[in-house]
Amino acid sequence: MHTEAQLKLLFDRLEQKITYLQDHANQLSVLVDQLEHEKKSLQSTIQEQRNRIKELEKKPVSDKQTFTKSAKIGKIVKDNLAPTADHTELKRKLDEYIREIEQLIAHLSTLS
């Protein structure tokens, strides 16, 4: 059997372990609360991004007419240049079209 002093020592160690476990449980509880808050915040951010994606997916439909011009570049070049046009005239026209395309890209970049 254990003496009274040994029992007292065992009881004190048990109390220390219980106190440690309670402190640890409290810390974990605070951490769980923080993680739940972060989870809600992230879910909200995800939902906002999904909504933004839906908006952006709908947006190109209204901007589609802007791109119909770029689909006709070959036809425009062919129609606007005389059969005797030289290389510099063709290069100038292509440079104009490239600048216009860059402006469209910049405009679309500002939408996102």
C-alpha atoms as a PDB file:
ATOM      1  CA  MET A   1       0.000   0.000   0.000  1.00  0.00           C
ATOM      2  CA  HIS A   2       0.853   3.627  -0.354  1.00  0.00           C
ATOM      3  CA  THR A   3       1.569   5.843   2.534  1.00  0.00           C
ATOM      4  CA  GLU A   4      -0.341   9.047   3.113  1.00  0.00           C
ATOM      5  CA  ALA A   5       2.589  11.110   1.769  1.00  0.00           C
ATOM      6  CA  GLN A   6       2.735   9.026  -1.408  1.00  0.00           C
ATOM      7  CA  LEU A   7      -1.000   9.357  -1.922  1.00  0.00           C
ATOM      8  CA  LYS A   8      -0.745  13.104  -1.420  1.00  0.00           C
ATOM      9  CA  LEU A   9       2.050  13.255  -4.024  1.00  0.00           C
ATOM     10  CA  LEU A  10       0.023  11.196  -6.504  1.00  0.00           C
ATOM     11  CA  PHE A  11      -3.019  13.385  -5.859  1.00  0.00           C
ATOM     12  CA  ASP A  12      -0.966  16.563  -6.479  1.00  0.00           C
ATOM     13  CA  ARG A  13       0.401  15.170  -9.765  1.00  0.00           C
ATOM     14  CA  LEU A  14      -3.103  14.217 -10.828  1.00  0.00           C
ATOM     15  CA  GLU A  15      -4.325  17.746 -10.071  1.00  0.00           C
ATOM     16  CA  GLN A  16      -1.442  19.192 -12.132  1.00  0.00           C
ATOM     17  CA  LYS A  17      -2.296  16.933 -15.065  1.00  0.00           C
ATOM     18  CA  ILE A  18      -5.974  17.886 -14.833  1.00  0.00           C
ATOM     19  CA  THR A  19      -5.069  21.587 -14.773  1.00  0.00           C
ATOM     20  CA  TYR A  20      -2.774  21.100 -17.772  1.00  0.00           C
ATOM     21  CA  LEU A  21      -5.486  19.247 -19.691  1.00  0.00           C
ATOM     22  CA  GLN A  22      -8.062  21.936 -18.885  1.00  0.00           C
ATOM     23  CA  ASP A  23      -5.699  24.684 -20.082  1.00  0.00           C
ATOM     24  CA  HIS A  24      -4.923  22.725 -23.218  1.00  0.00           C
ATOM     25  CA  ALA A  25      -8.641  22.122 -23.859  1.00  0.00           C
ATOM     26  CA  ASN A  26      -9.313  25.869 -23.479  1.00  0.00           C
ATOM     27  CA  GLN A  27      -6.531  26.698 -25.934  1.00  0.00           C
ATOM     28  CA  LEU A  28      -7.916  24.187 -28.402  1.00  0.00           C
ATOM     29  CA  SER A  29     -11.396  25.618 -27.983  1.00  0.00           C
ATOM     30  CA  VAL A  30     -10.104  29.114 -28.807  1.00  0.00           C
ATOM     31  CA  LEU A  31      -8.270  27.696 -31.822  1.00  0.00           C
ATOM     32  CA  VAL A  32     -11.422  25.933 -33.018  1.00  0.00           C
ATOM     33  CA  ASP A  33     -13.345  29.208 -32.747  1.00  0.00           C
ATOM     34  CA  GLN A  34     -10.660  31.018 -34.744  1.00  0.00           C
ATOM     35  CA  LEU A  35     -10.648  28.317 -37.410  1.00  0.00           C
ATOM     36  CA  GLU A  36     -14.438  28.358 -37.679  1.00  0.00           C
ATOM     37  CA  HIS A  37     -14.350  32.135 -38.133  1.00  0.00           C
ATOM     38  CA  GLU A  38     -11.643  31.799 -40.788  1.00  0.00           C
ATOM     39  CA  LYS A  39     -13.644  29.054 -42.518  1.00  0.00           C
ATOM     40  CA  LYS A  40     -16.728  31.295 -42.691  1.00  0.00           C
ATOM     41  CA  SER A  41     -14.619  34.141 -44.041  1.00  0.00           C
ATOM     42  CA  LEU A  42     -13.076  31.911 -46.702  1.00  0.00           C
ATOM     43  CA  GLN A  43     -16.474  30.506 -47.671  1.00  0.00           C
ATOM     44  CA  SER A  44     -17.749  34.055 -48.053  1.00  0.00           C
ATOM     45  CA  THR A  45     -14.755  34.942 -50.223  1.00  0.00           C
ATOM     46  CA  ILE A  46     -15.317  31.844 -52.349  1.00  0.00           C
ATOM     47  CA  GLN A  47     -18.972  32.740 -52.836  1.00  0.00           C
ATOM     48  CA  GLU A  48     -18.041  36.307 -53.818  1.00  0.00           C
ATOM     49  CA  GLN A  49     -15.510  34.990 -56.320  1.00  0.00           C
ATOM     50  CA  ARG A  50     -18.052  32.548 -57.759  1.00  0.00           C
ATOM     51  CA  ASN A  51     -20.510  35.407 -58.187  1.00  0.00           C
ATOM     52  CA  ARG A  52     -17.803  37.491 -59.840  1.00  0.00           C
ATOM     53  CA  ILE A  53     -16.984  34.631 -62.200  1.00  0.00           C
ATOM     54  CA  LYS A  54     -20.646  34.321 -63.148  1.00  0.00           C
ATOM     55  CA  GLU A  55     -20.761  38.066 -63.854  1.00  0.00           C
ATOM     56  CA  LEU A  56     -17.624  37.870 -65.970  1.00  0.00           C
ATOM     57  CA  GLU A  57     -18.936  34.852 -67.862  1.00  0.00           C
ATOM     58  CA  LYS A  58     -22.055  36.811 -68.730  1.00  0.00           C
ATOM     59  CA  LYS A  59     -20.099  39.952 -69.663  1.00  0.00           C
ATOM     60  CA  PRO A  60     -18.388  38.681 -72.864  1.00  0.00           C
ATOM     61  CA  VAL A  61     -21.807  38.044 -74.401  1.00  0.00           C
ATOM     62  CA  SER A  62     -22.481  41.787 -74.389  1.00  0.00           C
ATOM     63  CA  ASP A  63     -18.931  42.539 -75.585  1.00  0.00           C
ATOM     64  CA  LYS A  64     -19.158  40.010 -78.395  1.00  0.00           C
ATOM     65  CA  GLN A  65     -19.988  42.682 -80.945  1.00  0.00           C
ATOM     66  CA  THR A  66     -16.655  44.390 -80.234  1.00  0.00           C
ATOM     67  CA  PHE A  67     -14.832  41.303 -81.416  1.00  0.00           C
ATOM     68  CA  THR A  68     -16.774  40.928 -84.658  1.00  0.00           C
ATOM     69  CA  LYS A  69     -14.534  43.681 -86.036  1.00  0.00           C
ATOM     70  CA  SER A  70     -11.389  41.703 -85.297  1.00  0.00           C
ATOM     71  CA  ALA A  71     -12.838  38.631 -87.043  1.00  0.00           C
ATOM     72  CA  LYS A  72     -13.070  40.631 -90.244  1.00  0.00           C
ATOM     73  CA  ILE A  73      -9.506  41.993 -90.295  1.00  0.00           C
ATOM     74  CA  GLY A  74      -8.455  39.870 -93.257  1.00  0.00           C
ATOM     75  CA  LYS A  75     -11.441  41.028 -95.282  1.00  0.00           C
ATOM     76  CA  ILE A  76     -10.833  44.673 -94.338  1.00  0.00           C
ATOM     77  CA  VAL A  77      -7.184  44.496 -95.369  1.00  0.00           C
ATOM     78  CA  LYS A  78      -8.113  42.836 -98.628  1.00  0.00           C
ATOM     79  CA  ASP A  79     -10.846  45.365 -99.413  1.00  0.00           C
ATOM     80  CA  ASN A  80      -8.917  48.474 -98.378  1.00  0.00           C
ATOM     81  CA  LEU A  81      -5.683  47.771-100.220  1.00  0.00           C
ATOM     82  CA  ALA A  82      -5.426  48.195-103.907  1.00  0.00           C
ATOM     83  CA  PRO A  83      -3.898  45.292-105.804  1.00  0.00           C
ATOM     84  CA  THR A  84      -0.818  47.403-106.418  1.00  0.00           C
ATOM     85  CA  ALA A  85      -0.295  48.351-102.747  1.00  0.00           C
ATOM     86  CA  ASP A  86       3.244  47.873-101.644  1.00  0.00           C
ATOM     87  CA  HIS A  87       4.659  46.204 -98.600  1.00  0.00           C
ATOM     88  CA  THR A  88       4.869  49.398 -96.503  1.00  0.00           C
ATOM     89  CA  GLU A  89       1.162  50.156 -96.940  1.00  0.00           C
ATOM     90  CA  LEU A  90       0.290  46.620 -95.813  1.00  0.00           C
ATOM     91  CA  LYS A  91       2.611  46.959 -92.825  1.00  0.00           C
ATOM     92  CA  ARG A  92       1.041  50.301 -91.881  1.00  0.00           C
ATOM     93  CA  LYS A  93      -2.480  48.855 -92.009  1.00  0.00           C
ATOM     94  CA  LEU A  94      -1.446  45.827 -89.959  1.00  0.00           C
ATOM     95  CA  ASP A  95       0.172  48.111 -87.378  1.00  0.00           C
ATOM     96  CA  GLU A  96      -3.091  50.060 -87.101  1.00  0.00           C
ATOM     97  CA  TYR A  97      -5.046  46.856 -86.560  1.00  0.00           C
ATOM     98  CA  ILE A  98      -2.547  45.636 -83.968  1.00  0.00           C
ATOM     99  CA  ARG A  99      -2.875  48.934 -82.046  1.00  0.00           C
ATOM    100  CA  GLU A 100      -6.661  48.590 -82.159  1.00  0.00           C
ATOM    101  CA  ILE A 101      -6.445  45.023 -80.851  1.00  0.00           C
ATOM    102  CA  GLU A 102      -4.111  46.154 -78.058  1.00  0.00           C
ATOM    103  CA  GLN A 103      -6.619  48.846 -77.103  1.00  0.00           C
ATOM    104  CA  LEU A 104      -9.386  46.241 -76.978  1.00  0.00           C
ATOM    105  CA  ILE A 105      -7.238  43.984 -74.800  1.00  0.00           C
ATOM    106  CA  ALA A 106      -6.470  46.883 -72.466  1.00  0.00           C
ATOM    107  CA  HIS A 107     -10.165  47.721 -72.291  1.00  0.00           C
ATOM    108  CA  LEU A 108     -11.063  44.115 -71.469  1.00  0.00           C
ATOM    109  CA  SER A 109      -8.325  44.001 -68.835  1.00  0.00           C
ATOM    110  CA  THR A 110      -9.896  46.936 -67.047  1.00  0.00           C
ATOM    111  CA  LEU A 111     -13.212  45.061 -66.879  1.00  0.00           C
ATOM    112  CA  SER A 112     -11.740  42.235 -64.814  1.00  0.00           C
END
